[in-house]
C-alpha atoms as a PDB file:
ATOM      1  CA  MET A   1       2.020 -15.328   8.748  1.00  0.00           C
ATOM      2  CA  ASN A   2      -1.433 -14.231   7.707  1.00  0.00           C
ATOM      3  CA  PRO A   3      -0.823 -12.428   3.948  1.00  0.00           C
ATOM      4  CA  SER A   4      -3.966 -10.853   4.279  1.00  0.00           C
ATOM      5  CA  ALA A   5      -3.690  -9.090   7.723  1.00  0.00           C
ATOM      6  CA  PRO A   6      -1.598  -5.991   7.801  1.00  0.00           C
ATOM      7  CA  ALA A   7       2.084  -6.245   8.372  1.00  0.00           C
ATOM      8  CA  ILE A   8       4.707  -3.925  10.088  1.00  0.00           C
ATOM      9  CA  HIS A   9       7.996  -3.660   8.382  1.00  0.00           C
ATOM     10  CA  VAL A  10      10.822  -2.498  10.715  1.00  0.00           C
ATOM     11  CA  VAL A  11      13.547  -1.095   9.040  1.00  0.00           C
ATOM     12  CA  ASP A  12      16.675  -0.367  10.847  1.00  0.00           C
ATOM     13  CA  ASP A  13      20.638  -0.973  10.727  1.00  0.00           C
ATOM     14  CA  ASP A  14      20.787  -0.852  14.474  1.00  0.00           C
ATOM     15  CA  PRO A  15      20.027  -4.944  15.547  1.00  0.00           C
ATOM     16  CA  ASP A  16      19.233  -4.167  19.164  1.00  0.00           C
ATOM     17  CA  PHE A  17      16.957  -1.260  18.131  1.00  0.00           C
ATOM     18  CA  ARG A  18      15.461  -3.414  15.540  1.00  0.00           C
ATOM     19  CA  ASP A  19      14.900  -6.498  17.842  1.00  0.00           C
ATOM     20  CA  ALA A  20      13.335  -4.376  20.436  1.00  0.00           C
ATOM     21  CA  LEU A  21      10.640  -3.058  18.118  1.00  0.00           C
ATOM     22  CA  VAL A  22      10.070  -6.607  16.624  1.00  0.00           C
ATOM     23  CA  TRP A  23       9.371  -8.039  20.524  1.00  0.00           C
ATOM     24  CA  LEU A  24       7.249  -4.888  21.035  1.00  0.00           C
ATOM     25  CA  PHE A  25       4.985  -5.390  18.155  1.00  0.00           C
ATOM     26  CA  ASP A  26       5.073  -9.252  18.213  1.00  0.00           C
ATOM     27  CA  SER A  27       4.000  -8.965  21.801  1.00  0.00           C
ATOM     28  CA  ARG A  28       1.022  -6.780  20.845  1.00  0.00           C
ATOM     29  CA  GLY A  29      -0.165  -9.616  18.416  1.00  0.00           C
ATOM     30  CA  HIS A  30       1.146  -7.839  15.112  1.00  0.00           C
ATOM     31  CA  GLN A  31       2.741  -9.379  12.152  1.00  0.00           C
ATOM     32  CA  VAL A  32       6.249  -7.988  11.871  1.00  0.00           C
ATOM     33  CA  GLN A  33       9.182  -8.383   9.615  1.00  0.00           C
ATOM     34  CA  ALA A  34      12.488  -6.778  10.090  1.00  0.00           C
ATOM     35  CA  TRP A  35      14.946  -5.714   7.949  1.00  0.00           C
ATOM     36  CA  GLY A  36      18.570  -4.409   8.570  1.00  0.00           C
ATOM     37  CA  SER A  37      18.822  -2.111   5.323  1.00  0.00           C
ATOM     38  CA  GLY A  38      16.816   0.045   3.142  1.00  0.00           C
ATOM     39  CA  GLU A  39      18.557  -2.068   0.233  1.00  0.00           C
ATOM     40  CA  ALA A  40      17.235  -5.403   1.619  1.00  0.00           C
ATOM     41  CA  PHE A  41      13.742  -4.098   2.303  1.00  0.00           C
ATOM     42  CA  LEU A  42      13.444  -2.629  -1.229  1.00  0.00           C
ATOM     43  CA  VAL A  43      14.322  -5.985  -2.792  1.00  0.00           C
ATOM     44  CA  ALA A  44      11.205  -7.452  -0.933  1.00  0.00           C
ATOM     45  CA  ALA A  45       9.035  -4.231  -1.808  1.00  0.00           C
ATOM     46  CA  ARG A  46       9.853  -4.437  -5.371  1.00  0.00           C
ATOM     47  CA  GLU A  47       8.833  -8.072  -5.580  1.00  0.00           C
ATOM     48  CA  GLN A  48       5.458  -6.879  -4.496  1.00  0.00           C
ATOM     49  CA  ALA A  49       5.252  -3.883  -6.849  1.00  0.00           C
ATOM     50  CA  ASN A  50       1.549  -3.821  -8.339  1.00  0.00           C
ATOM     51  CA  ARG A  51       0.177  -6.411  -5.852  1.00  0.00           C
ATOM     52  CA  TRP A  52       0.732  -4.720  -2.553  1.00  0.00           C
ATOM     53  CA  SER A  53      -0.157  -6.570   0.280  1.00  0.00           C
ATOM     54  CA  PRO A  54      -1.387  -4.295   3.279  1.00  0.00           C
ATOM     55  CA  ALA A  55       1.342  -3.082   5.484  1.00  0.00           C
ATOM     56  CA  VAL A  56       2.879  -0.260   7.713  1.00  0.00           C
ATOM     57  CA  VAL A  57       6.763   0.653   7.510  1.00  0.00           C
ATOM     58  CA  LEU A  58       8.776   2.056  10.386  1.00  0.00           C
ATOM     59  CA  LEU A  59      11.952   3.325   8.920  1.00  0.00           C
ATOM     60  CA  ASP A  60      14.898   4.535  10.652  1.00  0.00           C
ATOM     61  CA  ILE A  61      16.084   8.092   8.785  1.00  0.00           C
ATOM     62  CA  ARG A  62      19.893   7.450   9.373  1.00  0.00           C
ATOM     63  CA  MET A  63      21.084   4.319   7.835  1.00  0.00           C
ATOM     64  CA  GLU A  64      23.849   3.020   5.720  1.00  0.00           C
ATOM     65  CA  PRO A  65      24.525   2.618   2.679  1.00  0.00           C
ATOM     66  CA  ILE A  66      20.851   3.718   1.722  1.00  0.00           C
ATOM     67  CA  SER A  67      19.380   6.277   4.145  1.00  0.00           C
ATOM     68  CA  GLY A  68      15.848   6.165   5.452  1.00  0.00           C
ATOM     69  CA  LEU A  69      15.007   9.271   3.079  1.00  0.00           C
ATOM     70  CA  ALA A  70      16.283   7.487   0.036  1.00  0.00           C
ATOM     71  CA  THR A  71      14.451   4.229   0.701  1.00  0.00           C
ATOM     72  CA  PHE A  72      11.414   6.500   1.039  1.00  0.00           C
ATOM     73  CA  GLU A  73      11.843   7.906  -2.371  1.00  0.00           C
ATOM     74  CA  VAL A  74      12.475   4.471  -4.198  1.00  0.00           C
ATOM     75  CA  LEU A  75       9.095   3.634  -2.435  1.00  0.00           C
ATOM     76  CA  HIS A  76       7.403   6.687  -3.573  1.00  0.00           C
ATOM     77  CA  GLU A  77       8.823   6.016  -7.076  1.00  0.00           C
ATOM     78  CA  LEU A  78       7.046   2.246  -7.016  1.00  0.00           C
ATOM     79  CA  ALA A  79       3.860   3.971  -6.451  1.00  0.00           C
ATOM     80  CA  CYS A  80       4.177   2.019  -2.793  1.00  0.00           C
ATOM     81  CA  PRO A  81       0.626   2.663  -0.994  1.00  0.00           C
ATOM     82  CA  TRP A  82       2.393   1.597   2.488  1.00  0.00           C
ATOM     83  CA  PRO A  83       2.269   4.233   5.396  1.00  0.00           C
ATOM     84  CA  VAL A  84       5.529   5.033   6.331  1.00  0.00           C
ATOM     85  CA  LEU A  85       6.326   6.568   9.693  1.00  0.00           C
ATOM     86  CA  PHE A  86       9.924   7.661  10.266  1.00  0.00           C
ATOM     87  CA  LEU A  87      12.016   7.151  13.382  1.00  0.00           C
ATOM     88  CA  THR A  88      14.200   9.997  13.869  1.00  0.00           C
ATOM     89  CA  GLY A  89      16.868  11.575  15.969  1.00  0.00           C
ATOM     90  CA  HIS A  90      16.937  15.107  17.239  1.00  0.00           C
ATOM     91  CA  GLY A  91      19.076  16.325  14.301  1.00  0.00           C
ATOM     92  CA  ASP A  92      17.136  14.701  11.830  1.00  0.00           C
ATOM     93  CA  VAL A  93      13.595  16.082  12.755  1.00  0.00           C
ATOM     94  CA  GLY A  94      14.015  18.769   9.918  1.00  0.00           C
ATOM     95  CA  MET A  95      14.424  16.043   7.572  1.00  0.00           C
ATOM     96  CA  ALA A  96      11.558  13.876   8.686  1.00  0.00           C
ATOM     97  CA  VAL A  97       9.167  16.997   8.479  1.00  0.00           C
ATOM     98  CA  ALA A  98      10.142  17.479   4.692  1.00  0.00           C
ATOM     99  CA  ALA A  99       9.664  13.678   4.283  1.00  0.00           C
ATOM    100  CA  VAL A 100       5.813  14.020   5.802  1.00  0.00           C
ATOM    101  CA  LYS A 101       5.455  16.804   3.462  1.00  0.00           C
ATOM    102  CA  LYS A 102       5.998  14.571   0.726  1.00  0.00           C
ATOM    103  CA  GLY A 103       3.796  11.817   1.744  1.00  0.00           C
ATOM    104  CA  ALA A 104       5.213  10.206   4.726  1.00  0.00           C
ATOM    105  CA  TRP A 105       2.590   9.117   7.295  1.00  0.00           C
ATOM    106  CA  ASP A 106       4.185  10.672  10.518  1.00  0.00           C
ATOM    107  CA  PHE A 107       7.410  10.608  12.237  1.00  0.00           C
ATOM    108  CA  LEU A 108       8.320   9.984  15.963  1.00  0.00           C
ATOM    109  CA  GLU A 109      11.492  11.323  17.569  1.00  0.00           C
ATOM    110  CA  LYS A 110      13.904   9.117  19.404  1.00  0.00           C
ATOM    111  CA  PRO A 111      13.954   8.451  22.322  1.00  0.00           C
ATOM    112  CA  PHE A 112       9.988   7.720  22.248  1.00  0.00           C
ATOM    113  CA  GLN A 113       7.256   5.976  24.653  1.00  0.00           C
ATOM    114  CA  ASP A 114       6.409   2.337  23.443  1.00  0.00           C
ATOM    115  CA  ASN A 115       2.789   3.163  24.115  1.00  0.00           C
ATOM    116  CA  GLU A 116       3.097   6.564  21.713  1.00  0.00           C
ATOM    117  CA  LEU A 117       4.938   4.295  18.927  1.00  0.00           C
ATOM    118  CA  VAL A 118       2.209   1.532  18.832  1.00  0.00           C
ATOM    119  CA  ASP A 119      -0.590   3.936  19.010  1.00  0.00           C
ATOM    120  CA  ARG A 120       0.743   5.924  15.874  1.00  0.00           C
ATOM    121  CA  VAL A 121       1.507   2.645  13.845  1.00  0.00           C
ATOM    122  CA  GLU A 122      -2.014   1.155  15.068  1.00  0.00           C
ATOM    123  CA  ALA A 123      -3.671   4.417  13.630  1.00  0.00           C
ATOM    124  CA  ALA A 124      -1.841   3.787  10.298  1.00  0.00           C
ATOM    125  CA  LEU A 125      -2.931   0.113  10.306  1.00  0.00           C
ATOM    126  CA  GLN A 126      -6.516   0.937  10.739  1.00  0.00           C
ATOM    127  CA  ALA A 127      -6.134   3.361   7.663  1.00  0.00           C
ATOM    128  CA  VAL A 128      -4.703   0.706   5.517  1.00  0.00           C
ATOM    129  CA  SER A 129      -7.511  -1.907   6.758  1.00  0.00           C
ATOM    130  CA  SER A 130     -10.131   0.792   6.013  1.00  0.00           C
ATOM    131  CA  GLU A 131      -8.660   1.473   2.523  1.00  0.00           C
ATOM    132  CA  GLU A 132      -8.535  -2.315   1.958  1.00  0.00           C
ATOM    133  CA  THR A 133     -12.003  -2.702   3.102  1.00  0.00           C
ATOM    134  CA  GLN A 134     -13.132  -0.120   0.887  1.00  0.00           C
ATOM    135  CA  LEU A 135     -11.543  -1.428  -2.391  1.00  0.00           C
ATOM    136  CA  ALA A 136     -12.731  -5.090  -1.837  1.00  0.00           C
ATOM    137  CA  GLN A 137     -16.245  -3.458  -1.603  1.00  0.00           C
ATOM    138  CA  ARG A 138     -15.716  -1.525  -4.733  1.00  0.00           C
ATOM    139  CA  LEU A 139     -14.162  -4.486  -6.607  1.00  0.00           C
ATOM    140  CA  ARG A 140     -17.366  -6.771  -5.543  1.00  0.00           C
ATOM    141  CA  GLN A 141     -19.716  -4.061  -6.757  1.00  0.00           C
ATOM    142  CA  ALA A 142     -17.959  -3.846  -9.894  1.00  0.00           C
ATOM    143  CA  LEU A 143     -17.765  -7.742 -10.434  1.00  0.00           C
ATOM    144  CA  SER A 144     -21.538  -7.837  -9.884  1.00  0.00           C
ATOM    145  CA  SER A 145     -21.962  -5.271 -12.699  1.00  0.00           C
ATOM    146  CA  LEU A 146     -20.224  -7.552 -15.381  1.00  0.00           C
ATOM    147  CA  SER A 147     -22.544  -8.785 -18.246  1.00  0.00           C
ATOM    148  CA  THR A 148     -22.764 -12.564 -18.655  1.00  0.00           C
ATOM    149  CA  ARG A 149     -20.227 -12.195 -21.676  1.00  0.00           C
ATOM    150  CA  GLU A 150     -17.784 -10.212 -19.758  1.00  0.00           C
ATOM    151  CA  ARG A 151     -17.724 -12.786 -16.859  1.00  0.00           C
ATOM    152  CA  GLU A 152     -17.384 -15.349 -19.370  1.00  0.00           C
ATOM    153  CA  VAL A 153     -14.263 -13.561 -20.764  1.00  0.00           C
ATOM    154  CA  LEU A 154     -13.063 -13.006 -17.348  1.00  0.00           C
ATOM    155  CA  ASP A 155     -12.887 -16.591 -16.432  1.00  0.00           C
ATOM    156  CA  GLU A 156     -10.888 -17.062 -19.350  1.00  0.00           C
ATOM    157  CA  LEU A 157      -8.621 -14.316 -18.605  1.00  0.00           C
ATOM    158  CA  LEU A 158      -7.979 -15.890 -15.254  1.00  0.00           C
ATOM    159  CA  GLN A 159      -7.058 -19.073 -16.633  1.00  0.00           C
ATOM    160  CA  GLY A 160      -4.168 -17.270 -18.460  1.00  0.00           C
ATOM    161  CA  HIS A 161      -5.856 -17.709 -21.725  1.00  0.00           C
ATOM    162  CA  TYR A 162      -4.828 -15.170 -24.858  1.00  0.00           C
ATOM    163  CA  ASN A 163      -7.476 -13.253 -26.589  1.00  0.00           C
ATOM    164  CA  LYS A 164      -7.268 -15.616 -29.783  1.00  0.00           C
ATOM    165  CA  ASN A 165      -7.958 -18.822 -27.385  1.00  0.00           C
ATOM    166  CA  ILE A 166     -10.926 -17.172 -25.581  1.00  0.00           C
ATOM    167  CA  ALA A 167     -12.451 -16.146 -28.929  1.00  0.00           C
ATOM    168  CA  ASP A 168     -12.230 -19.656 -30.018  1.00  0.00           C
ATOM    169  CA  HIS A 169     -13.684 -20.889 -26.945  1.00  0.00           C
ATOM    170  CA  LEU A 170     -16.436 -18.456 -26.889  1.00  0.00           C
ATOM    171  CA  GLY A 171     -17.144 -18.344 -30.469  1.00  0.00           C
ATOM    172  CA  ILE A 172     -16.601 -14.729 -30.702  1.00  0.00           C
ATOM    173  CA  THR A 173     -14.119 -12.494 -32.521  1.00  0.00           C
ATOM    174  CA  PRO A 174     -10.848 -11.438 -31.184  1.00  0.00           C
ATOM    175  CA  ARG A 175     -12.018  -7.938 -31.645  1.00  0.00           C
ATOM    176  CA  THR A 176     -14.939  -8.675 -29.595  1.00  0.00           C
ATOM    177  CA  VAL A 177     -12.840 -10.170 -27.098  1.00  0.00           C
ATOM    178  CA  GLU A 178     -10.716  -6.828 -26.884  1.00  0.00           C
ATOM    179  CA  PHE A 179     -13.788  -4.891 -26.434  1.00  0.00           C
ATOM    180  CA  HIS A 180     -15.139  -6.684 -23.626  1.00  0.00           C
ATOM    181  CA  ARG A 181     -11.551  -7.036 -21.806  1.00  0.00           C
ATOM    182  CA  ALA A 182     -11.413  -3.575 -21.995  1.00  0.00           C
ATOM    183  CA  ASN A 183     -14.589  -3.043 -20.459  1.00  0.00           C
ATOM    184  CA  ILE A 184     -13.718  -5.525 -17.635  1.00  0.00           C
ATOM    185  CA  PHE A 185     -10.621  -3.609 -16.867  1.00  0.00           C
ATOM    186  CA  GLU A 186     -12.323  -0.441 -16.710  1.00  0.00           C
ATOM    187  CA  LYS A 187     -14.834  -1.694 -14.440  1.00  0.00           C
ATOM    188  CA  MET A 188     -12.629  -3.531 -12.260  1.00  0.00           C
ATOM    189  CA  GLY A 189     -10.155  -0.690 -12.026  1.00  0.00           C
ATOM    190  CA  VAL A 190      -6.969  -2.528 -12.986  1.00  0.00           C
ATOM    191  CA  HIS A 191      -4.565  -2.306 -15.971  1.00  0.00           C
ATOM    192  CA  SER A 192      -3.496  -5.910 -16.439  1.00  0.00           C
ATOM    193  CA  ALA A 193      -4.847  -9.370 -16.175  1.00  0.00           C
ATOM    194  CA  VAL A 194      -2.206 -10.250 -13.667  1.00  0.00           C
ATOM    195  CA  GLU A 195      -3.142  -7.308 -11.664  1.00  0.00           C
ATOM    196  CA  LEU A 196      -7.117  -8.574 -11.768  1.00  0.00           C
ATOM    197  CA  ALA A 197      -6.168 -12.028 -10.939  1.00  0.00           C
ATOM    198  CA  HIS A 198      -4.127 -10.583  -7.927  1.00  0.00           C
ATOM    199  CA  HIS A 199      -7.313  -8.843  -6.572  1.00  0.00           C
ATOM    200  CA  MET A 200      -9.460 -11.609  -7.410  1.00  0.00           C
ATOM    201  CA  GLY A 201      -7.284 -14.039  -5.141  1.00  0.00           C
ATOM    202  CA  ARG A 202      -6.391 -11.434  -2.536  1.00  0.00           C
ATOM    203  CA  PHE A 203     -10.186 -10.637  -1.651  1.00  0.00           C
ATOM    204  CA  GLN A 204     -11.203 -14.046  -2.511  1.00  0.00           C
ATOM    205  CA  LEU A 205     -13.758 -12.559  -5.310  1.00  0.00           C
ATOM    206  CA  SER A 206     -15.533 -15.258  -7.399  1.00  0.00           C
END
């Protein structure tokens, strides 16, 4: 699987339905990962917190022991940026509409046409790709705006060095390192060196 390409996460406790969706999107050339429960999916999602790879989620609304709605609420608490498209039965439409009002991407009522589902998912994937492109462009512009000294501090940060070590290496005070570090984070729009390193690697910035 190409980690830079948007992925589709299928979360459904019905193995036949889940497998059918995996086959459908796999046959259309998409990268697909399947999960048999919201609980299993959330374990994987938590591992990506703050360094989200581009993805779209197809979430069944009726699952046990954690429902699709409960799973969606946890994703929201994690500040997960992935578009979520609910798959719902007739009796769940009201819940799905409420979820959309809370930020879900869309919902599709079962049974549905394969092409209709693919069209909606591909629209979400296109939105994700567009956001990724914009983020990469913004980061490259921010990177080019760093001063020579900020760039030196950045290189030290990416090697995992602490402020005192950076100060020793560059012949400046730790307070000056703090100053440059704060400027770097502000320009790059990150909150930590880990987040910065993730962006640099993810978009192959140098």
